[in-house]
Protein backbone atom coordinates (compact mmCIF):
# COMPACT_ATOMS: atom_id res chain seq x y z
CA MET A 1 80.39 -21.53 33.22
CA ARG A 2 79.97 -24.45 30.80
CA LYS A 3 76.19 -24.45 31.44
CA CYS A 4 75.98 -20.74 30.62
CA VAL A 5 77.89 -21.28 27.35
CA PHE A 6 75.58 -24.21 26.47
CA PHE A 7 72.39 -22.15 27.02
CA LEU A 8 73.81 -19.26 24.99
CA ILE A 9 74.50 -21.65 22.10
CA VAL A 10 70.94 -23.06 22.29
CA ILE A 11 69.41 -19.57 22.30
CA ALA A 12 71.56 -18.60 19.31
CA LEU A 13 70.45 -21.69 17.36
CA LEU A 14 66.78 -21.03 18.12
CA ALA A 15 67.15 -17.44 17.00
CA ALA A 16 68.76 -18.60 13.75
CA CYS A 17 65.95 -21.11 13.04
CA LYS A 18 63.13 -18.64 13.75
CA THR A 19 61.18 -17.72 10.61
CA PRO A 20 61.78 -14.08 9.73
CA PRO A 21 58.75 -11.82 9.38
CA PRO A 22 57.39 -11.56 5.81
CA ALA A 23 58.77 -8.79 3.69
CA PRO A 24 56.39 -5.83 3.19
CA GLY A 25 56.03 -6.52 -0.53
CA SER A 26 55.55 -10.29 -0.28
CA ALA A 27 52.26 -11.73 -1.56
CA PRO A 28 50.02 -13.84 0.69
CA VAL A 29 49.78 -17.58 0.12
CA SER A 30 46.63 -18.65 -1.76
CA THR A 31 45.54 -22.18 -2.65
CA LEU A 32 42.69 -23.67 -4.66
CA GLU A 33 41.92 -27.39 -4.38
CA PHE A 34 39.33 -29.55 -6.13
CA GLU A 35 37.30 -31.46 -3.53
CA ARG A 36 34.41 -33.42 -5.08
CA ILE A 37 31.82 -33.62 -7.82
CA GLU A 38 28.04 -34.07 -7.78
CA GLY A 39 25.87 -34.80 -10.80
CA SER A 40 22.14 -34.41 -11.37
CA GLY A 41 22.48 -35.90 -14.88
CA ILE A 42 25.10 -36.54 -17.51
CA HIS A 43 24.86 -32.92 -18.66
CA ARG A 44 24.56 -31.17 -15.27
CA VAL A 45 27.36 -31.35 -12.69
CA VAL A 46 28.70 -29.24 -9.83
CA LEU A 47 32.42 -29.21 -9.01
CA TYR A 48 33.35 -28.16 -5.46
CA TYR A 49 36.63 -26.39 -4.68
CA ARG A 50 38.27 -25.11 -1.48
CA PHE A 51 39.84 -21.64 -1.80
CA LYS A 52 42.11 -20.38 0.98
CA THR A 53 44.29 -17.28 1.47
CA GLU A 54 46.55 -16.73 4.48
CA ASN A 55 47.32 -13.25 5.76
CA HIS A 56 50.77 -13.73 7.29
CA ARG A 57 51.23 -10.07 8.24
CA SER A 58 50.36 -8.26 11.44
CA VAL A 59 47.99 -5.85 9.64
CA SER A 60 44.59 -6.38 8.01
CA MET A 61 44.33 -7.33 4.35
CA MET A 62 41.61 -6.78 1.76
CA LEU A 63 41.10 -9.75 -0.54
CA LYS A 64 39.32 -9.79 -3.92
CA ILE A 65 38.68 -12.49 -6.49
CA LEU A 66 39.14 -10.32 -9.56
CA GLY A 67 37.96 -12.91 -12.06
CA TRP A 68 38.14 -16.51 -13.13
CA ASN A 69 38.77 -18.56 -16.22
CA LEU A 70 37.89 -22.13 -17.11
CA THR A 71 39.30 -24.42 -19.77
CA MET A 72 38.07 -27.93 -20.57
CA ASN A 73 40.54 -30.28 -22.25
CA ASP A 74 42.59 -27.21 -23.24
CA HIS A 75 39.57 -25.41 -24.76
CA GLU A 76 38.15 -22.27 -23.16
CA ILE A 77 34.62 -22.68 -21.83
CA ASP A 78 31.82 -20.36 -22.93
CA ARG A 79 30.47 -18.59 -19.82
CA ARG A 80 26.95 -19.59 -20.84
CA TYR A 81 27.81 -23.13 -19.71
CA ALA A 82 29.67 -22.36 -16.47
CA ILE A 83 28.73 -20.43 -13.30
CA LEU A 84 31.05 -19.97 -10.30
CA LYS A 85 29.39 -19.42 -6.92
CA SER A 86 30.44 -18.93 -3.31
CA GLY A 87 27.50 -20.18 -1.26
CA ASP A 88 24.39 -18.72 -2.87
CA GLU A 89 26.24 -15.76 -4.40
CA ILE A 90 27.84 -15.53 -7.81
CA ILE A 91 31.47 -14.45 -7.51
CA SER A 92 31.33 -10.65 -7.76
CA GLY A 93 34.82 -9.33 -6.96
CA LYS A 94 33.73 -7.53 -3.80
CA PRO A 95 36.51 -7.01 -1.20
CA MET A 96 36.72 -9.23 1.89
CA ALA A 97 38.65 -8.29 5.02
CA VAL A 98 41.17 -10.80 6.40
CA ALA A 99 42.36 -10.12 9.96
CA PRO A 100 46.08 -10.06 10.86
CA ARG A 101 47.69 -13.52 11.10
CA LYS A 102 44.39 -15.11 10.03
CA SER A 103 43.17 -16.84 6.89
CA PHE A 104 40.15 -16.56 4.63
CA GLU A 105 38.57 -19.81 3.44
CA THR A 106 35.49 -20.56 1.37
CA GLU A 107 33.94 -23.31 -0.74
CA LEU A 108 33.41 -22.51 -4.41
CA GLU A 109 30.81 -24.21 -6.58
CA LEU A 110 31.38 -24.51 -10.31
CA HIS A 111 28.07 -25.30 -12.03
CA LEU A 112 28.65 -26.85 -15.46
CA ASP A 113 26.23 -27.48 -18.30
CA LEU A 114 27.88 -30.16 -20.44
CA SER A 115 25.07 -30.42 -23.00
CA VAL A 116 27.18 -28.56 -25.57
CA TYR A 117 29.56 -31.54 -25.62
CA SER A 118 26.82 -34.03 -26.53
CA ASP A 119 26.13 -32.40 -29.89
CA ALA A 120 28.70 -33.23 -32.57
CA ASP A 121 27.85 -30.02 -34.45
CA THR A 122 28.52 -27.67 -31.52
CA ASN A 123 31.07 -29.65 -29.49
CA PRO A 124 34.12 -27.36 -28.96
CA ILE A 125 36.30 -30.29 -27.90
CA GLU A 126 37.67 -32.00 -30.99
CA ASP A 127 39.29 -34.95 -29.26
CA ASP A 128 37.42 -38.14 -28.42
CA SER A 129 38.69 -38.31 -24.86
CA ASP A 130 36.84 -40.43 -22.31
CA THR A 131 37.52 -37.88 -19.58
CA PHE A 132 36.86 -34.21 -18.91
CA MET A 133 39.75 -32.24 -17.42
CA PRO A 134 38.59 -28.75 -16.36
CA VAL A 135 41.23 -26.26 -15.19
CA LEU A 136 39.77 -23.47 -13.03
CA THR A 137 41.98 -20.40 -12.58
CA LEU A 138 41.28 -17.54 -10.15
CA ALA A 139 42.80 -14.07 -10.46
CA THR A 140 43.22 -12.59 -6.97
CA SER A 141 44.13 -9.22 -5.49
CA CYS A 142 45.37 -8.57 -1.93
CA ARG A 143 45.88 -5.08 -0.53
CA TYR A 144 47.43 -3.83 2.72
CA GLY A 145 46.34 -0.30 3.55
CA ALA A 146 47.66 2.23 1.05
CA GLU A 147 50.11 -0.21 -0.56
CA LEU A 148 49.72 -1.23 -4.17
CA PRO A 149 47.59 -4.37 -4.54
CA LEU A 150 49.40 -7.68 -4.91
CA THR A 151 47.84 -9.78 -7.67
CA GLY A 152 48.20 -13.50 -8.31
CA ILE A 153 46.88 -16.49 -10.24
CA VAL A 154 45.64 -19.63 -8.47
CA PRO A 155 44.83 -22.72 -10.61
CA ALA A 156 43.22 -26.08 -9.81
CA VAL A 157 42.88 -29.16 -12.03
CA ALA A 158 40.01 -31.67 -11.81
CA GLU A 159 39.25 -34.83 -13.78
CA PHE A 160 36.09 -36.89 -14.19
CA PRO A 161 34.76 -39.39 -16.76
CA ARG A 162 32.76 -38.20 -19.74
CA ILE A 163 29.40 -39.99 -19.72
CA ARG A 164 27.58 -40.63 -22.98
CA GLU A 165 24.07 -41.91 -23.56
CA PRO A 166 23.73 -45.49 -24.82
CA GLU A 167 22.38 -45.82 -28.36
CA PHE A 168 19.29 -47.90 -29.16
CA SER A 169 18.39 -49.58 -32.43
CA ILE A 170 16.15 -52.38 -33.77
CA THR A 171 17.96 -55.15 -35.64
CA SER A 172 14.96 -57.36 -36.50
CA ILE A 173 11.21 -57.70 -36.06
CA ALA A 174 9.94 -61.28 -36.11
CA ILE A 175 6.24 -62.21 -36.43
CA MET A 176 5.81 -65.06 -33.97
CA GLN A 177 2.08 -65.72 -34.32
CA ALA A 178 -0.61 -64.11 -36.47
CA GLU A 179 -4.19 -64.33 -35.24
CA LEU A 180 -7.42 -62.66 -36.25
CA ILE A 181 -7.18 -59.96 -33.56
CA ASN A 182 -3.65 -60.11 -32.17
CA THR A 183 -0.22 -60.55 -33.69
CA ARG A 184 2.76 -61.43 -31.53
CA PHE A 185 6.18 -59.97 -32.32
CA ALA A 186 9.70 -60.63 -31.10
CA VAL A 187 11.67 -57.41 -31.49
CA THR A 188 15.45 -57.65 -31.20
CA MET A 189 16.83 -54.47 -29.63
CA ARG A 190 20.51 -53.56 -29.70
CA ILE A 191 22.09 -51.19 -27.16
CA ASP A 192 25.54 -49.75 -27.84
CA ASN A 193 27.50 -48.49 -24.83
CA PRO A 194 30.09 -45.86 -25.88
CA ASN A 195 31.39 -45.43 -22.30
CA PRO A 196 34.65 -46.83 -20.87
CA PHE A 197 32.64 -48.47 -18.05
CA PRO A 198 29.71 -50.92 -18.05
CA VAL A 199 26.14 -49.61 -17.76
CA THR A 200 22.89 -51.32 -16.82
CA LEU A 201 19.49 -50.67 -18.34
CA SER A 202 17.40 -50.92 -15.16
CA ALA A 203 14.01 -49.56 -16.29
CA PHE A 204 12.62 -49.14 -19.77
CA LYS A 205 9.41 -47.76 -21.32
CA TYR A 206 8.89 -47.77 -25.08
CA GLU A 207 6.58 -47.32 -28.04
CA LEU A 208 7.15 -49.06 -31.39
CA TYR A 209 5.79 -47.54 -34.58
CA GLY A 210 5.77 -49.39 -37.91
CA GLN A 211 5.09 -47.63 -41.19
CA GLY A 212 3.96 -44.57 -39.21
CA MET A 213 1.44 -46.40 -36.99
CA LEU A 214 1.71 -47.41 -33.33
CA TRP A 215 2.23 -51.14 -33.25
CA ALA A 216 2.87 -51.76 -29.55
CA ASP A 217 4.05 -50.24 -26.30
CA GLY A 218 5.20 -51.55 -22.94
CA SER A 219 7.74 -51.43 -20.14
CA GLU A 220 10.52 -53.65 -18.84
CA MET A 221 12.58 -53.84 -15.63
CA ASP A 222 16.19 -54.95 -15.19
CA VAL A 223 16.61 -55.32 -18.93
CA LEU A 224 20.34 -56.04 -19.32
CA SER A 225 23.93 -54.93 -18.67
CA ILE A 226 26.15 -53.66 -21.45
CA PRO A 227 29.95 -54.01 -21.13
CA ALA A 228 32.27 -51.04 -21.56
CA LYS A 229 32.77 -49.95 -25.19
CA ASP A 230 30.57 -52.82 -26.32
CA ALA A 231 27.01 -53.71 -27.30
CA ALA A 232 24.34 -56.15 -26.15
CA GLU A 233 21.02 -57.37 -27.55
CA THR A 234 17.75 -58.35 -25.94
CA LYS A 235 14.35 -59.49 -27.22
CA LEU A 236 11.10 -57.67 -26.51
CA LEU A 237 7.94 -59.77 -26.84
CA LEU A 238 5.14 -57.51 -28.08
CA VAL A 239 1.46 -57.96 -28.88
CA MET A 240 -0.17 -55.88 -31.61
CA ASN A 241 -3.95 -55.54 -31.36
CA PHE A 242 -5.86 -55.31 -34.67
CA ILE A 243 -9.35 -54.98 -33.23
CA ASN A 244 -9.60 -51.32 -34.23
CA MET A 245 -7.70 -51.66 -37.50
CA LYS A 246 -8.57 -52.83 -40.97
CA ARG A 247 -8.23 -56.58 -41.46
CA GLY A 248 -6.13 -56.02 -44.55
CA LEU A 249 -3.40 -54.38 -42.44
CA LEU A 250 -2.52 -57.71 -40.85
CA ASP A 251 -1.97 -59.33 -44.25
CA GLU A 252 0.10 -56.31 -45.27
CA ILE A 253 2.35 -56.62 -42.21
CA ILE A 254 2.76 -60.37 -42.62
CA ALA A 255 3.83 -59.82 -46.22
CA MET A 256 6.46 -57.23 -45.27
CA ARG A 257 10.15 -57.99 -45.70
CA GLN A 258 11.39 -54.57 -44.57
CA VAL A 259 9.68 -52.07 -42.27
CA GLY A 260 10.34 -48.44 -41.51
CA TYR A 261 10.19 -48.15 -37.73
CA ARG A 262 10.28 -45.51 -35.06
CA PHE A 263 11.36 -46.64 -31.59
CA THR A 264 10.83 -44.10 -28.80
CA GLY A 265 10.61 -43.99 -25.02
CA ASP A 266 12.71 -43.38 -21.91
CA SER A 267 14.91 -45.44 -19.64
CA GLU A 268 16.90 -45.47 -16.41
CA VAL A 269 20.60 -46.17 -16.87
CA GLU A 270 22.85 -47.19 -13.97
CA THR A 271 26.55 -46.30 -14.24
CA GLY A 272 28.12 -47.56 -11.02
CA ILE A 273 29.84 -44.16 -10.64
CA SER A 274 29.56 -42.73 -7.12
CA TRP A 275 28.64 -39.18 -8.10
CA LEU A 276 26.10 -40.28 -10.71
CA PRO A 277 24.85 -43.79 -9.91
CA ARG A 278 22.01 -43.52 -12.46
CA PHE A 279 20.49 -41.12 -14.94
CA SER A 280 17.32 -40.88 -17.02
CA MET A 281 17.42 -40.61 -20.78
CA LYS A 282 14.94 -40.36 -23.62
CA PHE A 283 15.48 -42.01 -26.97
CA ASP A 284 13.85 -41.65 -30.36
CA ARG A 285 15.29 -43.80 -33.12
CA ARG A 286 14.13 -44.26 -36.71
CA GLY A 287 15.38 -46.78 -39.19
CA GLN A 288 14.73 -49.79 -41.38
CA SER A 289 14.47 -53.34 -40.05
CA LYS A 290 14.01 -56.83 -41.47
CA VAL A 291 10.65 -58.50 -40.90
CA LEU A 292 11.15 -62.20 -40.20
CA GLN A 293 8.50 -64.90 -40.24
């Protein structure tokens, strides 16, 4: 008799702990999670998200992504700079069937063009934050048969560092040796790193113009590392060939105390960041520099 009473109590407890079936008007559970980021450059990145909706009823459900919204650092993003895809398709709002007691799951790709944030005149983000914080929000609709659709909002927050291009400038041009045909220069180049992490200038091609004429060009490898939020200088040893120029130009250059220069080229910059270990950048700087003897 005691055993029978014990089993009845156990059965009663199990029945009490059993999850009741979902109410007919209850919305399905949807989640959106940020997974990873991939970059093809400092202005082109893809954010990957995992979207999942569970149909906890015993009848089929039709699921739609009605629309989406994206803000970056609390500013709404212009759709010209953001595209949301599922696989190879742009999110279209077409219905998808979810079987009873099953779930729908897909990977979403958010393609971002961040070039608008590199231009001070068009940058919609007024703060000087070192990070981007996009908030992606999906508007969803789930429908069971003839019932009214159940709508919901599903957000996900991501965060990644804002990467800025280093800035190049010439601080001095020194004439090391003046000969009849060649003149040797030591050009001091300054690189400012505006990023909150160190960068390395790993490859470098350049052309140096003085007073509107090409003075020298060349390339360098493993130039230097620049600390976070800091600057570094390096010397470029250049040779200017006067064989095809007027002899008087050499005397003119030697007599210069200030020169208007143009410094242009491209470089490879290493960041040490996993999703963007390096990027290519072009530079084109103009300015005035001292000419030292």
